[in-house]
Amino acid sequence: MTDADSAERPPPRVPVALRAGAALFNEGHALAAHDPWEAAWLPLTDGRDERLLHGLIAAAAATHHAADHNWSGAVGCAGNAVTYLGDVGPTPRGLDSVPVREWCRRLAADPEAIERSSPPTIRIDGTAPRFDNLDLSAALLAAPVLADAVAPGDAAAFETAAELAREEEGTARTTVTELLFAFLRTPDARPQVAARLTDHVELATRKRRDVDDLF
C-alpha cells in the first residue's frame, strides 16, 4: 500500500471508529485508542459526533497523561473531555458517556486518582468492545494501531495487511484476516503472528510488483 492509497482511503465510519477505539481503551491501550477516534473526527466540523469523538480523544489523552504522571496534561485534557462529553447526552451512538465523563471529572480534580482506581469500561449498546468481540471492520481498524503501540515499526505492514484482508472479503481466502484477528486476540503469540503477517505482505507486494512490471 502506498501513501497515495492511504490518502485516498475514506475516513472510517463513526460507529466503526467508536468500537475500535473503545476496544483499545478497554484493553488498556488508552493512548492508542485516540487513533481510530481521531481518524473519524478529523473530517467533521460540527455536530454531536464531532463533540463525542473530541471528548473521547481528550479522555484517552487524559488517561494516558495521568498514567504517565503528567498531572498538568491530565488535568487539561480531562477538563476538555468533561466539556465536550457534557454536550452529547448520556448515550450518543449507543455509547454510555456518563462513566467516561465522570472519570474525567475525577482526573480534572485529582489526576492522581488513577493510582487508586482504574479507568471505566466503555460500553456501546450495553456491550464492552474488546478484541475478542470486534467485528471485521473494527478489527481491521484496531489491529494496525495496536501493532504500532506494542511493536513500533510494524504499523505499515499491518496497514497493508488490513487492505489485503478487505480484499479477502467475499472470497474463499481468509489467511490474512485470520492472522489479524489472531494478533488482536492472542497477546502471547503476537510476535509470531506479526512475523507471519509480514511474510504475507512481502509476498503479496512482490506479486503485485511482478504484475505491474508486465505492463
N, C-alpha and C. Protein backbone atom coordinates (compact mmCIF):
# COMPACT_ATOMS: atom_id res chain seq x y z
N MET A 1 0.84 -1.19 0.00
CA MET A 1 0.00 0.00 0.00
C MET A 1 0.88 1.23 0.00
N THR A 2 0.62 2.19 -0.86
CA THR A 2 1.39 3.42 -0.96
C THR A 2 0.77 4.51 -0.12
N ASP A 3 1.53 5.62 0.05
CA ASP A 3 0.98 6.77 0.76
C ASP A 3 -0.24 7.30 0.05
N ALA A 4 -0.24 7.24 -1.29
CA ALA A 4 -1.39 7.71 -2.06
C ALA A 4 -2.62 6.87 -1.77
N ASP A 5 -2.41 5.55 -1.66
CA ASP A 5 -3.53 4.67 -1.33
C ASP A 5 -4.13 5.06 0.01
N SER A 6 -3.24 5.34 0.99
CA SER A 6 -3.71 5.71 2.32
C SER A 6 -4.47 7.01 2.28
N ALA A 7 -3.99 7.97 1.48
CA ALA A 7 -4.64 9.27 1.40
C ALA A 7 -6.01 9.17 0.75
N GLU A 8 -6.17 8.22 -0.20
CA GLU A 8 -7.43 8.08 -0.91
C GLU A 8 -8.46 7.30 -0.11
N ARG A 9 -8.04 6.56 0.90
CA ARG A 9 -8.99 5.77 1.67
C ARG A 9 -9.91 6.70 2.45
N PRO A 10 -11.21 6.51 2.38
CA PRO A 10 -12.12 7.38 3.12
C PRO A 10 -11.95 7.18 4.62
N PRO A 11 -12.31 8.19 5.40
CA PRO A 11 -12.22 8.03 6.86
C PRO A 11 -13.16 6.94 7.34
N PRO A 12 -12.85 6.33 8.46
CA PRO A 12 -13.73 5.26 8.95
C PRO A 12 -15.10 5.81 9.35
N ARG A 13 -16.11 4.98 9.24
CA ARG A 13 -17.43 5.38 9.72
C ARG A 13 -17.39 5.53 11.23
N VAL A 14 -18.17 6.47 11.74
CA VAL A 14 -18.14 6.77 13.18
C VAL A 14 -18.42 5.54 14.03
N PRO A 15 -19.47 4.72 13.74
CA PRO A 15 -19.70 3.55 14.60
C PRO A 15 -18.53 2.58 14.63
N VAL A 16 -17.86 2.42 13.50
CA VAL A 16 -16.71 1.52 13.44
C VAL A 16 -15.56 2.07 14.26
N ALA A 17 -15.30 3.37 14.11
CA ALA A 17 -14.23 4.01 14.87
C ALA A 17 -14.51 3.96 16.36
N LEU A 18 -15.77 4.16 16.74
CA LEU A 18 -16.12 4.10 18.16
C LEU A 18 -15.79 2.73 18.74
N ARG A 19 -16.18 1.66 18.02
CA ARG A 19 -15.93 0.31 18.53
C ARG A 19 -14.43 0.00 18.59
N ALA A 20 -13.71 0.37 17.55
CA ALA A 20 -12.28 0.08 17.52
C ALA A 20 -11.56 0.81 18.65
N GLY A 21 -11.85 2.10 18.82
CA GLY A 21 -11.21 2.86 19.88
C GLY A 21 -11.61 2.38 21.26
N ALA A 22 -12.89 2.03 21.43
CA ALA A 22 -13.35 1.54 22.72
C ALA A 22 -12.65 0.23 23.09
N ALA A 23 -12.46 -0.66 22.12
CA ALA A 23 -11.77 -1.92 22.40
C ALA A 23 -10.33 -1.66 22.83
N LEU A 24 -9.64 -0.76 22.14
CA LEU A 24 -8.27 -0.43 22.53
C LEU A 24 -8.23 0.16 23.93
N PHE A 25 -9.16 1.06 24.23
CA PHE A 25 -9.22 1.68 25.56
C PHE A 25 -9.50 0.61 26.62
N ASN A 26 -10.48 -0.23 26.35
CA ASN A 26 -10.86 -1.26 27.33
C ASN A 26 -9.77 -2.29 27.56
N GLU A 27 -8.91 -2.48 26.56
CA GLU A 27 -7.82 -3.44 26.69
C GLU A 27 -6.56 -2.80 27.29
N GLY A 28 -6.68 -1.54 27.72
CA GLY A 28 -5.56 -0.90 28.40
C GLY A 28 -4.64 -0.08 27.52
N HIS A 29 -5.05 0.20 26.28
CA HIS A 29 -4.22 0.98 25.37
C HIS A 29 -4.87 2.35 25.15
N ALA A 30 -4.88 3.16 26.21
CA ALA A 30 -5.60 4.43 26.17
C ALA A 30 -5.04 5.36 25.10
N LEU A 31 -3.73 5.47 25.01
CA LEU A 31 -3.15 6.38 24.02
C LEU A 31 -3.49 5.93 22.60
N ALA A 32 -3.39 4.63 22.35
CA ALA A 32 -3.70 4.12 21.01
C ALA A 32 -5.16 4.31 20.66
N ALA A 33 -6.04 4.32 21.67
CA ALA A 33 -7.48 4.43 21.41
C ALA A 33 -7.83 5.70 20.66
N HIS A 34 -7.02 6.74 20.85
CA HIS A 34 -7.39 8.01 20.20
C HIS A 34 -7.20 7.95 18.69
N ASP A 35 -6.40 7.00 18.17
CA ASP A 35 -6.12 6.97 16.73
C ASP A 35 -7.37 6.73 15.88
N PRO A 36 -8.14 5.65 16.11
CA PRO A 36 -9.35 5.47 15.30
C PRO A 36 -10.37 6.57 15.53
N TRP A 37 -10.49 7.05 16.78
CA TRP A 37 -11.42 8.14 17.04
C TRP A 37 -11.01 9.39 16.27
N GLU A 38 -9.71 9.66 16.26
CA GLU A 38 -9.23 10.86 15.56
C GLU A 38 -9.44 10.74 14.04
N ALA A 39 -9.24 9.54 13.50
CA ALA A 39 -9.42 9.34 12.06
C ALA A 39 -10.84 9.67 11.63
N ALA A 40 -11.82 9.32 12.47
CA ALA A 40 -13.21 9.63 12.14
C ALA A 40 -13.57 11.07 12.48
N TRP A 41 -12.86 11.65 13.44
CA TRP A 41 -13.17 13.01 13.90
C TRP A 41 -12.64 14.10 12.97
N LEU A 42 -11.46 13.90 12.39
CA LEU A 42 -10.81 14.95 11.63
C LEU A 42 -11.67 15.56 10.52
N PRO A 43 -12.45 14.77 9.76
CA PRO A 43 -13.26 15.38 8.69
C PRO A 43 -14.47 16.15 9.20
N LEU A 44 -14.81 15.99 10.47
CA LEU A 44 -16.03 16.59 10.99
C LEU A 44 -15.77 18.04 11.41
N THR A 45 -16.76 18.89 11.23
CA THR A 45 -16.61 20.29 11.60
C THR A 45 -17.56 20.72 12.70
N ASP A 46 -18.64 19.96 12.91
CA ASP A 46 -19.62 20.33 13.93
C ASP A 46 -20.54 19.14 14.17
N GLY A 47 -21.42 19.28 15.15
CA GLY A 47 -22.41 18.25 15.41
C GLY A 47 -22.05 17.35 16.57
N ARG A 48 -22.98 16.48 16.93
CA ARG A 48 -22.80 15.63 18.11
C ARG A 48 -21.66 14.64 17.92
N ASP A 49 -21.51 14.07 16.72
CA ASP A 49 -20.41 13.13 16.50
C ASP A 49 -19.07 13.81 16.71
N GLU A 50 -18.96 15.04 16.24
CA GLU A 50 -17.69 15.77 16.40
C GLU A 50 -17.39 15.98 17.88
N ARG A 51 -18.39 16.36 18.65
CA ARG A 51 -18.17 16.60 20.08
C ARG A 51 -17.91 15.29 20.83
N LEU A 52 -18.62 14.23 20.46
CA LEU A 52 -18.41 12.94 21.09
C LEU A 52 -16.98 12.45 20.86
N LEU A 53 -16.56 12.44 19.62
CA LEU A 53 -15.21 11.96 19.30
C LEU A 53 -14.15 12.85 19.92
N HIS A 54 -14.37 14.17 19.89
CA HIS A 54 -13.42 15.10 20.50
C HIS A 54 -13.30 14.81 21.99
N GLY A 55 -14.44 14.56 22.64
CA GLY A 55 -14.41 14.25 24.06
C GLY A 55 -13.69 12.94 24.37
N LEU A 56 -13.92 11.92 23.55
CA LEU A 56 -13.25 10.64 23.77
C LEU A 56 -11.75 10.75 23.54
N ILE A 57 -11.35 11.51 22.52
CA ILE A 57 -9.93 11.72 22.26
C ILE A 57 -9.28 12.39 23.48
N ALA A 58 -9.96 13.41 24.02
CA ALA A 58 -9.44 14.10 25.20
C ALA A 58 -9.41 13.17 26.41
N ALA A 59 -10.42 12.31 26.55
CA ALA A 59 -10.45 11.36 27.66
C ALA A 59 -9.29 10.37 27.57
N ALA A 60 -9.01 9.89 26.36
CA ALA A 60 -7.89 8.98 26.17
C ALA A 60 -6.56 9.66 26.51
N ALA A 61 -6.42 10.91 26.06
CA ALA A 61 -5.19 11.65 26.35
C ALA A 61 -5.05 11.90 27.85
N ALA A 62 -6.15 12.25 28.52
CA ALA A 62 -6.10 12.49 29.96
C ALA A 62 -5.69 11.23 30.71
N THR A 63 -6.25 10.10 30.31
CA THR A 63 -5.92 8.83 30.96
C THR A 63 -4.45 8.49 30.76
N HIS A 64 -3.97 8.69 29.54
CA HIS A 64 -2.56 8.42 29.26
C HIS A 64 -1.65 9.34 30.07
N HIS A 65 -1.96 10.62 30.08
CA HIS A 65 -1.11 11.56 30.82
C HIS A 65 -1.09 11.23 32.31
N ALA A 66 -2.26 10.90 32.86
CA ALA A 66 -2.31 10.56 34.28
C ALA A 66 -1.48 9.32 34.58
N ALA A 67 -1.59 8.30 33.73
CA ALA A 67 -0.80 7.08 33.92
C ALA A 67 0.69 7.36 33.82
N ASP A 68 1.04 8.39 33.04
CA ASP A 68 2.44 8.77 32.84
C ASP A 68 2.91 9.82 33.85
N HIS A 69 2.03 10.13 34.82
CA HIS A 69 2.33 11.12 35.87
C HIS A 69 2.54 12.52 35.31
N ASN A 70 1.96 12.79 34.17
CA ASN A 70 1.94 14.16 33.63
C ASN A 70 0.65 14.82 34.14
N TRP A 71 0.72 15.29 35.38
CA TRP A 71 -0.50 15.74 36.05
C TRP A 71 -1.14 16.93 35.35
N SER A 72 -0.35 17.89 34.92
CA SER A 72 -0.94 19.07 34.28
C SER A 72 -1.58 18.71 32.95
N GLY A 73 -0.95 17.84 32.19
CA GLY A 73 -1.54 17.39 30.94
C GLY A 73 -2.84 16.65 31.17
N ALA A 74 -2.85 15.82 32.22
CA ALA A 74 -4.07 15.06 32.54
C ALA A 74 -5.21 15.99 32.92
N VAL A 75 -4.91 17.00 33.73
CA VAL A 75 -5.95 17.93 34.17
C VAL A 75 -6.53 18.69 32.99
N GLY A 76 -5.66 19.20 32.10
CA GLY A 76 -6.14 19.96 30.96
C GLY A 76 -6.99 19.13 30.01
N CYS A 77 -6.52 17.94 29.67
CA CYS A 77 -7.27 17.08 28.75
C CYS A 77 -8.57 16.59 29.39
N ALA A 78 -8.52 16.28 30.68
CA ALA A 78 -9.73 15.80 31.36
C ALA A 78 -10.78 16.90 31.39
N GLY A 79 -10.37 18.13 31.62
CA GLY A 79 -11.32 19.24 31.61
C GLY A 79 -11.97 19.40 30.25
N ASN A 80 -11.18 19.27 29.20
CA ASN A 80 -11.74 19.35 27.84
C ASN A 80 -12.74 18.22 27.59
N ALA A 81 -12.39 17.02 28.06
CA ALA A 81 -13.29 15.88 27.87
C ALA A 81 -14.63 16.12 28.56
N VAL A 82 -14.58 16.63 29.78
CA VAL A 82 -15.82 16.91 30.51
C VAL A 82 -16.68 17.90 29.74
N THR A 83 -16.06 18.92 29.17
CA THR A 83 -16.81 19.93 28.41
C THR A 83 -17.47 19.32 27.19
N TYR A 84 -16.71 18.58 26.40
CA TYR A 84 -17.27 18.03 25.16
C TYR A 84 -18.29 16.94 25.44
N LEU A 85 -18.00 16.05 26.37
CA LEU A 85 -18.92 14.94 26.65
C LEU A 85 -20.17 15.41 27.38
N GLY A 86 -20.09 16.56 28.01
CA GLY A 86 -21.27 17.09 28.67
C GLY A 86 -22.29 17.64 27.71
N ASP A 87 -21.94 17.67 26.43
CA ASP A 87 -22.81 18.30 25.43
C ASP A 87 -23.35 17.30 24.41
N VAL A 88 -23.26 15.99 24.74
CA VAL A 88 -23.67 14.99 23.75
C VAL A 88 -24.81 14.09 24.23
N GLY A 89 -25.23 14.24 25.47
CA GLY A 89 -26.27 13.36 26.00
C GLY A 89 -25.66 12.11 26.60
N PRO A 90 -26.47 11.30 27.28
CA PRO A 90 -25.94 10.14 28.00
C PRO A 90 -25.54 8.97 27.13
N THR A 91 -26.18 8.79 25.96
CA THR A 91 -25.87 7.62 25.13
C THR A 91 -25.74 7.98 23.65
N PRO A 92 -24.83 8.85 23.30
CA PRO A 92 -24.64 9.17 21.88
C PRO A 92 -24.11 7.97 21.12
N ARG A 93 -24.75 7.66 20.01
CA ARG A 93 -24.36 6.48 19.20
C ARG A 93 -24.39 5.20 20.04
N GLY A 94 -25.20 5.17 21.09
CA GLY A 94 -25.28 4.00 21.94
C GLY A 94 -24.18 3.89 22.98
N LEU A 95 -23.24 4.85 22.98
CA LEU A 95 -22.10 4.80 23.90
C LEU A 95 -22.50 5.43 25.23
N ASP A 96 -22.25 4.72 26.31
CA ASP A 96 -22.56 5.22 27.65
C ASP A 96 -21.48 6.23 28.04
N SER A 97 -21.79 7.50 27.84
CA SER A 97 -20.79 8.54 28.05
C SER A 97 -20.64 8.96 29.51
N VAL A 98 -21.62 8.62 30.35
CA VAL A 98 -21.61 9.11 31.73
C VAL A 98 -20.39 8.63 32.51
N PRO A 99 -20.05 7.32 32.51
CA PRO A 99 -18.86 6.89 33.27
C PRO A 99 -17.57 7.54 32.76
N VAL A 100 -17.48 7.75 31.46
CA VAL A 100 -16.27 8.37 30.91
C VAL A 100 -16.18 9.82 31.38
N ARG A 101 -17.31 10.52 31.31
CA ARG A 101 -17.32 11.93 31.74
C ARG A 101 -17.00 12.04 33.23
N GLU A 102 -17.57 11.15 34.05
CA GLU A 102 -17.31 11.21 35.49
C GLU A 102 -15.86 10.86 35.81
N TRP A 103 -15.30 9.92 35.05
CA TRP A 103 -13.88 9.59 35.22
C TRP A 103 -13.01 10.81 34.93
N CYS A 104 -13.33 11.52 33.87
CA CYS A 104 -12.55 12.70 33.52
C CYS A 104 -12.78 13.84 34.51
N ARG A 105 -13.97 13.91 35.06
CA ARG A 105 -14.22 14.90 36.10
C ARG A 105 -13.31 14.63 37.31
N ARG A 106 -13.15 13.35 37.66
CA ARG A 106 -12.26 12.99 38.77
C ARG A 106 -10.81 13.35 38.45
N LEU A 107 -10.38 13.03 37.23
CA LEU A 107 -8.99 13.32 36.86
C LEU A 107 -8.74 14.83 36.83
N ALA A 108 -9.72 15.58 36.38
CA ALA A 108 -9.55 17.04 36.34
C ALA A 108 -9.35 17.61 37.75
N ALA A 109 -10.02 16.99 38.73
CA ALA A 109 -9.90 17.46 40.10
C ALA A 109 -8.70 16.86 40.82
N ASP A 110 -8.35 15.63 40.44
CA ASP A 110 -7.28 14.91 41.14
C ASP A 110 -6.69 13.87 40.21
N PRO A 111 -5.72 14.24 39.38
CA PRO A 111 -5.19 13.29 38.39
C PRO A 111 -4.53 12.07 39.02
N GLU A 112 -4.12 12.18 40.28
CA GLU A 112 -3.51 11.03 40.94
C GLU A 112 -4.54 9.96 41.30
N ALA A 113 -5.81 10.24 41.01
CA ALA A 113 -6.85 9.23 41.23
C ALA A 113 -6.58 7.97 40.43
N ILE A 114 -5.82 8.09 39.34
CA ILE A 114 -5.53 6.92 38.52
C ILE A 114 -4.70 5.89 39.28
N GLU A 115 -4.02 6.32 40.35
CA GLU A 115 -3.23 5.39 41.14
C GLU A 115 -4.07 4.64 42.16
N ARG A 116 -5.32 5.07 42.31
CA ARG A 116 -6.21 4.42 43.29
C ARG A 116 -7.37 3.69 42.64
N SER A 117 -7.60 3.93 41.36
CA SER A 117 -8.72 3.29 40.67
C SER A 117 -8.40 3.17 39.19
N SER A 118 -9.17 2.33 38.51
CA SER A 118 -8.93 2.06 37.09
C SER A 118 -9.88 2.89 36.23
N PRO A 119 -9.49 3.16 34.98
CA PRO A 119 -10.40 3.84 34.07
C PRO A 119 -11.68 3.03 33.87
N PRO A 120 -12.75 3.68 33.49
CA PRO A 120 -14.01 2.96 33.29
C PRO A 120 -13.95 2.06 32.06
N THR A 121 -14.83 1.09 32.04
CA THR A 121 -15.02 0.29 30.84
C THR A 121 -16.02 1.01 29.94
N ILE A 122 -15.64 1.23 28.70
CA ILE A 122 -16.54 1.89 27.75
C ILE A 122 -17.50 0.86 27.19
N ARG A 123 -18.78 1.19 27.23
CA ARG A 123 -19.82 0.29 26.72
C ARG A 123 -20.59 0.95 25.59
N ILE A 124 -20.88 0.16 24.58
CA ILE A 124 -21.68 0.61 23.45
C ILE A 124 -22.84 -0.35 23.28
N ASP A 125 -24.04 0.18 23.34
CA ASP A 125 -25.26 -0.65 23.29
C ASP A 125 -25.21 -1.76 24.35
N GLY A 126 -24.68 -1.41 25.51
CA GLY A 126 -24.67 -2.34 26.63
C GLY A 126 -23.53 -3.35 26.63
N THR A 127 -22.71 -3.33 25.60
CA THR A 127 -21.61 -4.30 25.48
C THR A 127 -20.27 -3.58 25.52
N ALA A 128 -19.32 -4.17 26.20
CA ALA A 128 -17.97 -3.60 26.25
C ALA A 128 -17.15 -4.14 25.08
N PRO A 129 -16.84 -3.32 24.08
CA PRO A 129 -15.99 -3.81 22.98
C PRO A 129 -14.61 -4.22 23.49
N ARG A 130 -14.21 -5.39 23.08
CA ARG A 130 -12.87 -5.89 23.37
C ARG A 130 -12.36 -6.60 22.12
N PHE A 131 -11.08 -6.96 22.14
CA PHE A 131 -10.50 -7.56 20.94
C PHE A 131 -11.21 -8.85 20.54
N ASP A 132 -11.72 -9.59 21.51
CA ASP A 132 -12.33 -10.87 21.17
C ASP A 132 -13.76 -10.77 20.69
N ASN A 133 -14.36 -9.57 20.68
CA ASN A 133 -15.72 -9.46 20.16
C ASN A 133 -15.87 -8.39 19.08
N LEU A 134 -14.75 -7.90 18.54
CA LEU A 134 -14.83 -6.92 17.46
C LEU A 134 -15.27 -7.58 16.16
N ASP A 135 -16.08 -6.88 15.39
CA ASP A 135 -16.40 -7.35 14.06
C ASP A 135 -15.22 -7.02 13.13
N LEU A 136 -15.32 -7.48 11.89
CA LEU A 136 -14.18 -7.36 10.98
C LEU A 136 -13.79 -5.91 10.73
N SER A 137 -14.75 -5.05 10.46
CA SER A 137 -14.41 -3.67 10.11
C SER A 137 -13.68 -2.97 11.25
N ALA A 138 -14.14 -3.17 12.48
CA ALA A 138 -13.47 -2.55 13.62
C ALA A 138 -12.12 -3.20 13.90
N ALA A 139 -12.03 -4.51 13.70
CA ALA A 139 -10.77 -5.21 13.92
C ALA A 139 -9.70 -4.73 12.95
N LEU A 140 -10.08 -4.49 11.70
CA LEU A 140 -9.11 -4.03 10.70
C LEU A 140 -8.64 -2.61 11.00
N LEU A 141 -9.44 -1.86 11.73
CA LEU A 141 -9.04 -0.51 12.14
C LEU A 141 -8.15 -0.57 13.38
N ALA A 142 -8.46 -1.50 14.28
CA ALA A 142 -7.72 -1.57 15.54
C ALA A 142 -6.36 -2.24 15.41
N ALA A 143 -6.24 -3.24 14.55
CA ALA A 143 -5.01 -4.04 14.51
C ALA A 143 -3.76 -3.22 14.16
N PRO A 144 -3.77 -2.37 13.12
CA PRO A 144 -2.56 -1.59 12.84
C PRO A 144 -2.21 -0.63 13.97
N VAL A 145 -3.22 -0.09 14.63
CA VAL A 145 -2.98 0.82 15.75
C VAL A 145 -2.32 0.07 16.91
N LEU A 146 -2.85 -1.12 17.21
CA LEU A 146 -2.26 -1.93 18.26
C LEU A 146 -0.83 -2.31 17.90
N ALA A 147 -0.60 -2.66 16.65
CA ALA A 147 0.75 -3.02 16.22
C ALA A 147 1.72 -1.87 16.45
N ASP A 148 1.29 -0.66 16.16
CA ASP A 148 2.15 0.50 16.36
C ASP A 148 2.41 0.73 17.84
N ALA A 149 1.44 0.37 18.69
CA ALA A 149 1.60 0.57 20.13
C ALA A 149 2.51 -0.47 20.77
N VAL A 150 2.40 -1.72 20.33
CA VAL A 150 3.15 -2.79 21.01
C VAL A 150 4.39 -3.22 20.25
N ALA A 151 4.46 -2.92 18.95
CA ALA A 151 5.62 -3.30 18.15
C ALA A 151 5.91 -2.21 17.13
N PRO A 152 6.38 -1.05 17.59
CA PRO A 152 6.65 0.06 16.67
C PRO A 152 7.50 -0.39 15.49
N GLY A 153 7.12 0.06 14.31
CA GLY A 153 7.81 -0.34 13.09
C GLY A 153 6.99 -1.29 12.26
N ASP A 154 6.00 -1.95 12.88
CA ASP A 154 5.17 -2.90 12.16
C ASP A 154 3.89 -2.27 11.60
N ALA A 155 3.63 -1.02 11.93
CA ALA A 155 2.34 -0.42 11.58
C ALA A 155 2.10 -0.41 10.07
N ALA A 156 3.13 -0.08 9.28
CA ALA A 156 2.95 -0.01 7.82
C ALA A 156 2.58 -1.37 7.26
N ALA A 157 3.24 -2.41 7.73
CA ALA A 157 2.92 -3.75 7.25
C ALA A 157 1.50 -4.13 7.65
N PHE A 158 1.08 -3.72 8.84
CA PHE A 158 -0.28 -4.04 9.29
C PHE A 158 -1.32 -3.25 8.51
N GLU A 159 -1.00 -2.03 8.13
CA GLU A 159 -1.92 -1.26 7.29
C GLU A 159 -2.13 -1.98 5.96
N THR A 160 -1.04 -2.46 5.38
CA THR A 160 -1.15 -3.21 4.14
C THR A 160 -1.91 -4.51 4.35
N ALA A 161 -1.65 -5.17 5.48
CA ALA A 161 -2.36 -6.41 5.79
C ALA A 161 -3.86 -6.15 5.92
N ALA A 162 -4.23 -5.02 6.51
CA ALA A 162 -5.65 -4.69 6.62
C ALA A 162 -6.28 -4.51 5.25
N GLU A 163 -5.54 -3.90 4.33
CA GLU A 163 -6.06 -3.75 2.96
C GLU A 163 -6.21 -5.11 2.29
N LEU A 164 -5.25 -5.99 2.50
CA LEU A 164 -5.35 -7.34 1.94
C LEU A 164 -6.55 -8.08 2.53
N ALA A 165 -6.79 -7.88 3.83
CA ALA A 165 -7.94 -8.54 4.46
C ALA A 165 -9.25 -8.01 3.88
N ARG A 166 -9.30 -6.72 3.58
CA ARG A 166 -10.52 -6.17 2.96
C ARG A 166 -10.74 -6.79 1.57
N GLU A 167 -9.63 -7.04 0.87
CA GLU A 167 -9.74 -7.67 -0.45
C GLU A 167 -10.19 -9.13 -0.33
N GLU A 168 -9.94 -9.75 0.82
CA GLU A 168 -10.35 -11.14 1.01
C GLU A 168 -11.86 -11.27 1.20
N GLU A 169 -12.52 -10.20 1.61
CA GLU A 169 -13.96 -10.28 1.86
C GLU A 169 -14.68 -10.74 0.59
N GLY A 170 -15.56 -11.69 0.75
CA GLY A 170 -16.33 -12.20 -0.37
C GLY A 170 -15.60 -13.23 -1.20
N THR A 171 -14.40 -13.60 -0.78
CA THR A 171 -13.64 -14.62 -1.49
C THR A 171 -13.47 -15.82 -0.56
N ALA A 172 -12.82 -16.84 -1.07
CA ALA A 172 -12.55 -18.03 -0.25
C ALA A 172 -11.27 -17.87 0.56
N ARG A 173 -10.57 -16.75 0.38
CA ARG A 173 -9.30 -16.54 1.09
C ARG A 173 -9.57 -15.86 2.43
N THR A 174 -8.98 -16.37 3.49
CA THR A 174 -9.16 -15.78 4.82
C THR A 174 -7.87 -15.71 5.62
N THR A 175 -6.75 -16.03 5.01
CA THR A 175 -5.49 -16.16 5.76
C THR A 175 -5.11 -14.88 6.48
N VAL A 176 -5.09 -13.77 5.77
CA VAL A 176 -4.65 -12.50 6.37
C VAL A 176 -5.66 -12.05 7.42
N THR A 177 -6.93 -12.22 7.10
CA THR A 177 -7.97 -11.85 8.07
C THR A 177 -7.81 -12.63 9.37
N GLU A 178 -7.58 -13.92 9.27
CA GLU A 178 -7.43 -14.75 10.46
C GLU A 178 -6.19 -14.35 11.25
N LEU A 179 -5.12 -13.99 10.56
CA LEU A 179 -3.90 -13.56 11.26
C LEU A 179 -4.11 -12.24 12.00
N LEU A 180 -4.85 -11.33 11.41
CA LEU A 180 -5.12 -10.06 12.08
C LEU A 180 -5.96 -10.27 13.34
N PHE A 181 -6.98 -11.13 13.23
CA PHE A 181 -7.76 -11.46 14.42
C PHE A 181 -6.87 -12.12 15.48
N ALA A 182 -5.99 -13.02 15.05
CA ALA A 182 -5.10 -13.70 15.99
C ALA A 182 -4.17 -12.71 16.69
N PHE A 183 -3.71 -11.72 15.95
CA PHE A 183 -2.83 -10.71 16.55
C PHE A 183 -3.56 -9.97 17.66
N LEU A 184 -4.82 -9.62 17.42
CA LEU A 184 -5.59 -8.92 18.43
C LEU A 184 -5.88 -9.80 19.64
N ARG A 185 -6.22 -11.06 19.39
CA ARG A 185 -6.83 -11.89 20.44
C ARG A 185 -5.86 -12.79 21.19
N THR A 186 -4.63 -12.93 20.70
CA THR A 186 -3.67 -13.81 21.38
C THR A 186 -2.38 -13.05 21.69
N PRO A 187 -2.38 -12.30 22.79
CA PRO A 187 -1.22 -11.45 23.12
C PRO A 187 0.09 -12.21 23.17
N ASP A 188 0.09 -13.41 23.71
CA ASP A 188 1.35 -14.15 23.86
C ASP A 188 1.96 -14.54 22.52
N ALA A 189 1.13 -14.62 21.49
CA ALA A 189 1.63 -15.06 20.18
C ALA A 189 1.85 -13.89 19.21
N ARG A 190 1.71 -12.67 19.69
CA ARG A 190 1.79 -11.54 18.76
C ARG A 190 3.10 -11.45 17.98
N PRO A 191 4.25 -11.68 18.57
CA PRO A 191 5.48 -11.61 17.76
C PRO A 191 5.47 -12.60 16.60
N GLN A 192 5.01 -13.83 16.86
CA GLN A 192 4.98 -14.83 15.80
C GLN A 192 3.94 -14.48 14.73
N VAL A 193 2.77 -14.00 15.18
CA VAL A 193 1.73 -13.62 14.22
C VAL A 193 2.21 -12.45 13.37
N ALA A 194 2.85 -11.48 14.00
CA ALA A 194 3.35 -10.32 13.26
C ALA A 194 4.36 -10.76 12.20
N ALA A 195 5.22 -11.71 12.53
CA ALA A 195 6.20 -12.20 11.57
C ALA A 195 5.52 -12.87 10.38
N ARG A 196 4.49 -13.68 10.64
CA ARG A 196 3.77 -14.34 9.56
C ARG A 196 3.04 -13.32 8.69
N LEU A 197 2.45 -12.32 9.32
CA LEU A 197 1.76 -11.28 8.55
C LEU A 197 2.74 -10.53 7.66
N THR A 198 3.90 -10.22 8.20
CA THR A 198 4.91 -9.51 7.40
C THR A 198 5.32 -10.34 6.20
N ASP A 199 5.46 -11.65 6.38
CA ASP A 199 5.80 -12.52 5.25
C ASP A 199 4.71 -12.47 4.18
N HIS A 200 3.44 -12.53 4.60
CA HIS A 200 2.34 -12.48 3.64
C HIS A 200 2.31 -11.14 2.89
N VAL A 201 2.56 -10.07 3.63
CA VAL A 201 2.56 -8.74 3.00
C VAL A 201 3.69 -8.63 1.99
N GLU A 202 4.87 -9.10 2.35
CA GLU A 202 6.00 -9.03 1.43
C GLU A 202 5.74 -9.87 0.18
N LEU A 203 5.15 -11.05 0.35
CA LEU A 203 4.83 -11.90 -0.80
C LEU A 203 3.80 -11.23 -1.70
N ALA A 204 2.76 -10.67 -1.11
CA ALA A 204 1.72 -10.00 -1.90
C ALA A 204 2.29 -8.80 -2.62
N THR A 205 3.18 -8.07 -1.97
CA THR A 205 3.79 -6.88 -2.59
C THR A 205 4.66 -7.28 -3.77
N ARG A 206 5.42 -8.37 -3.61
CA ARG A 206 6.25 -8.84 -4.72
C ARG A 206 5.39 -9.27 -5.90
N LYS A 207 4.30 -9.97 -5.63
CA LYS A 207 3.43 -10.42 -6.72
C LYS A 207 2.85 -9.23 -7.47
N ARG A 208 2.42 -8.22 -6.73
CA ARG A 208 1.85 -7.04 -7.39
C ARG A 208 2.91 -6.31 -8.22
N ARG A 209 4.14 -6.27 -7.69
CA ARG A 209 5.22 -5.61 -8.41
C ARG A 209 5.54 -6.38 -9.68
N ASP A 210 5.52 -7.73 -9.60
CA ASP A 210 5.78 -8.53 -10.79
C ASP A 210 4.72 -8.31 -11.86
N VAL A 211 3.46 -8.22 -11.42
CA VAL A 211 2.37 -7.97 -12.38
C VAL A 211 2.52 -6.60 -13.00
N ASP A 212 2.84 -5.60 -12.19
CA ASP A 212 3.00 -4.24 -12.71
C ASP A 212 4.13 -4.18 -13.72
N ASP A 213 5.18 -4.97 -13.50
CA ASP A 213 6.33 -4.95 -14.41
C ASP A 213 5.99 -5.55 -15.78
N LEU A 214 4.87 -6.29 -15.86
CA LEU A 214 4.49 -6.88 -17.13
C LEU A 214 3.87 -5.85 -18.08
N PHE A 215 3.50 -4.71 -17.57
CA PHE A 215 2.75 -3.75 -18.40
C PHE A 215 3.51 -2.43 -18.51
